[in-house]
Protein backbone atom coordinates (compact mmCIF):
# COMPACT_ATOMS: atom_id res chain seq x y z
CA MET A 1 -10.25 23.51 -15.47
CA SER A 2 -12.78 20.83 -14.52
CA THR A 3 -12.16 18.28 -11.78
CA ASP A 4 -12.30 15.45 -14.34
CA LEU A 5 -9.28 16.91 -16.11
CA LEU A 6 -7.44 18.14 -13.03
CA LEU A 7 -7.22 14.84 -11.11
CA PRO A 8 -5.41 12.86 -13.86
CA LEU A 9 -3.10 15.83 -14.41
CA LEU A 10 -2.22 16.00 -10.71
CA ARG A 11 -1.64 12.23 -10.57
CA GLY A 12 0.59 12.53 -13.60
CA ILE A 13 2.65 15.32 -12.00
CA VAL A 14 2.59 14.61 -8.25
CA PHE A 15 3.47 10.87 -8.30
CA PRO A 16 6.48 11.30 -10.65
CA LEU A 17 7.61 14.32 -8.60
CA LEU A 18 7.50 12.30 -5.38
CA VAL A 19 9.48 9.52 -7.07
CA SER A 20 12.13 11.92 -8.35
CA THR A 21 12.62 13.68 -4.98
CA SER A 22 12.70 10.61 -2.72
CA GLY A 23 16.31 9.64 -3.48
CA HIS A 24 15.32 6.39 -5.16
CA ALA A 25 12.26 5.30 -7.05
CA PRO A 26 9.77 3.52 -4.79
CA TYR A 27 8.53 1.55 -7.80
CA SER A 28 10.75 0.04 -10.39
CA ARG A 29 11.04 -3.20 -12.35
CA GLY A 30 7.98 -4.71 -10.75
CA GLU A 31 9.12 -4.02 -7.20
CA LEU A 32 7.81 -1.56 -4.61
CA ARG A 33 10.54 -0.36 -2.26
CA GLU A 34 10.27 1.76 0.85
CA ARG A 35 11.94 2.52 4.16
CA VAL A 36 10.51 2.34 7.64
CA ASP A 37 12.17 3.44 10.85
CA LEU A 38 12.19 0.06 12.62
CA ILE A 39 11.58 -3.59 11.72
CA GLU A 40 10.75 -5.97 14.55
CA LEU A 41 10.76 -9.76 14.37
CA ASN A 42 8.46 -10.83 17.22
CA HIS A 43 8.06 -14.38 18.52
CA ARG A 44 4.74 -14.53 20.44
CA TYR A 45 4.22 -17.10 23.25
CA ASP A 46 1.01 -17.93 25.09
CA ASP A 47 0.60 -17.82 28.90
CA LEU A 48 1.87 -21.42 29.20
CA GLY A 49 5.07 -20.57 27.35
CA ARG A 50 4.10 -22.32 24.14
CA HIS A 51 5.05 -20.74 20.83
CA ALA A 52 1.98 -19.12 19.26
CA TYR A 53 3.25 -17.36 16.12
CA ASP A 54 5.99 -15.23 14.56
CA GLN A 55 5.35 -11.85 13.00
CA VAL A 56 7.21 -8.97 11.37
CA ILE A 57 6.12 -5.51 12.52
CA PHE A 58 7.01 -2.28 10.67
CA TYR A 59 7.24 0.94 12.65
CA GLU A 60 7.53 4.67 11.97
CA TRP A 61 8.95 7.06 14.55
CA SER A 62 6.55 9.71 15.80
CA PRO A 63 8.41 12.87 16.81
CA ASP A 64 5.18 14.28 18.26
CA PHE A 65 4.82 11.42 20.76
CA CYS A 66 8.52 10.37 20.94
CA ARG A 67 7.72 6.72 20.29
CA PHE A 68 7.36 4.22 17.46
CA HIS A 69 3.95 3.61 15.87
CA VAL A 70 3.09 0.44 13.97
CA ILE A 71 2.33 1.06 10.32
CA ALA A 72 1.96 -2.55 9.20
CA TRP A 73 2.61 -6.15 10.25
CA CYS A 74 2.55 -9.62 8.72
CA LEU A 75 2.61 -13.17 10.06
CA ILE A 76 5.57 -15.33 9.06
CA GLU A 77 3.67 -18.64 9.20
CA ASN A 78 5.41 -20.97 6.76
CA ASP A 79 6.71 -18.16 4.57
CA GLU A 80 10.35 -17.84 5.68
CA SER A 81 10.99 -15.44 2.81
CA ARG A 82 9.36 -12.79 5.04
CA LEU A 83 12.09 -13.14 7.68
CA PRO A 84 14.17 -9.98 7.95
CA THR A 85 17.75 -10.32 6.83
CA GLN A 86 20.67 -7.98 7.23
CA LEU A 87 22.08 -6.66 3.96
CA ALA A 88 25.75 -7.49 3.53
CA GLY A 89 28.00 -4.54 4.28
CA SER A 90 25.12 -2.46 5.63
CA ARG A 91 23.26 -1.71 8.88
CA ASP A 92 20.01 -2.12 7.00
CA HIS A 93 17.66 -5.02 7.45
CA VAL A 94 15.29 -5.92 4.67
CA VAL A 95 12.05 -7.89 4.26
CA ARG A 96 10.95 -9.00 0.79
CA TRP A 97 7.74 -10.74 -0.26
CA TYR A 98 5.16 -10.90 -2.98
CA ASP A 99 2.21 -8.66 -1.97
CA ARG A 100 -0.94 -10.40 -3.30
CA ASP A 101 -3.12 -7.36 -2.65
CA GLU A 102 -0.94 -4.98 -4.67
CA LYS A 103 0.18 -7.78 -7.05
CA ILE A 104 3.80 -6.72 -6.76
CA GLN A 105 7.09 -7.71 -5.14
CA ARG A 106 7.66 -5.61 -2.01
CA GLU A 107 10.92 -4.62 -0.28
CA ILE A 108 10.91 -2.87 3.08
CA ARG A 109 14.18 -1.62 4.62
CA ALA A 110 15.13 -0.16 7.97
CA SER A 111 18.34 0.81 9.71
CA LEU A 112 16.92 -0.26 13.09
CA PHE A 113 16.03 -3.89 13.81
CA ARG A 114 15.04 -5.75 16.90
CA GLU A 115 14.02 -9.33 17.65
CA THR A 116 11.68 -9.94 20.59
CA TRP A 117 10.12 -12.86 22.43
CA SER A 118 6.92 -11.90 24.25
CA LYS A 119 3.73 -13.06 25.95
CA THR A 120 1.90 -10.01 24.65
CA ASP A 121 1.48 -8.90 21.05
CA PRO A 122 3.45 -5.66 20.48
CA GLU A 123 1.22 -4.73 17.52
CA ARG A 124 -1.95 -4.98 19.63
CA ALA A 125 -0.35 -3.07 22.48
CA ASN A 126 0.66 -0.32 20.03
CA LYS A 127 -2.92 -0.25 18.74
CA LYS A 128 -3.97 1.02 22.19
CA LEU A 129 -1.67 4.04 21.70
CA LEU A 130 -2.72 4.74 18.14
CA ASP A 131 -5.86 3.12 16.77
CA GLU A 132 -5.45 1.15 13.54
CA LYS A 133 -7.65 3.56 11.58
CA HIS A 134 -5.11 6.35 12.29
CA ARG A 135 -2.04 4.42 11.24
CA VAL A 136 0.09 5.43 8.32
CA SER A 137 0.29 2.36 6.09
CA LEU A 138 2.75 0.90 3.64
CA MET A 139 2.80 2.54 0.23
CA ARG A 140 0.03 1.63 -2.19
CA LEU A 141 0.31 1.80 -5.97
CA PRO A 142 -1.97 4.01 -8.03
CA GLN A 143 -4.59 1.93 -9.90
CA ARG A 144 -3.01 2.60 -13.31
CA ILE A 145 0.30 0.97 -12.28
CA ARG A 146 -1.22 -2.19 -10.79
CA ARG A 147 -1.25 -5.20 -13.03
């Protein structure tokens, strides 16, 4: 079978198979849902103690290194919809926003949550442990599903 025929066939089989075995569909009704191991709400301050910015950082646990690695982050700025909230009756925290790059509503959940106030940027510090080019990222939609 030629590569031109094999790739669409694999995409048609592998993506639905991943969806059916993950426990819940990562993509449904215009929303992309996924879980991470830890969500951090970080309030960054400069050396003079002035508030610099707020950010949400998403982490995945690395069993090989026994530490959390950043997979993605976003600034809060004036978009309070990106603030993590705890789901009622659950340990889970969730962050929801419209992802302009993927053109879809995103929902990220985690059972672990922490809020920090720091003079250093935890995402940048983590980048020294695992360079950004080696990070696992948030899920991306196949081209045919994007609007």
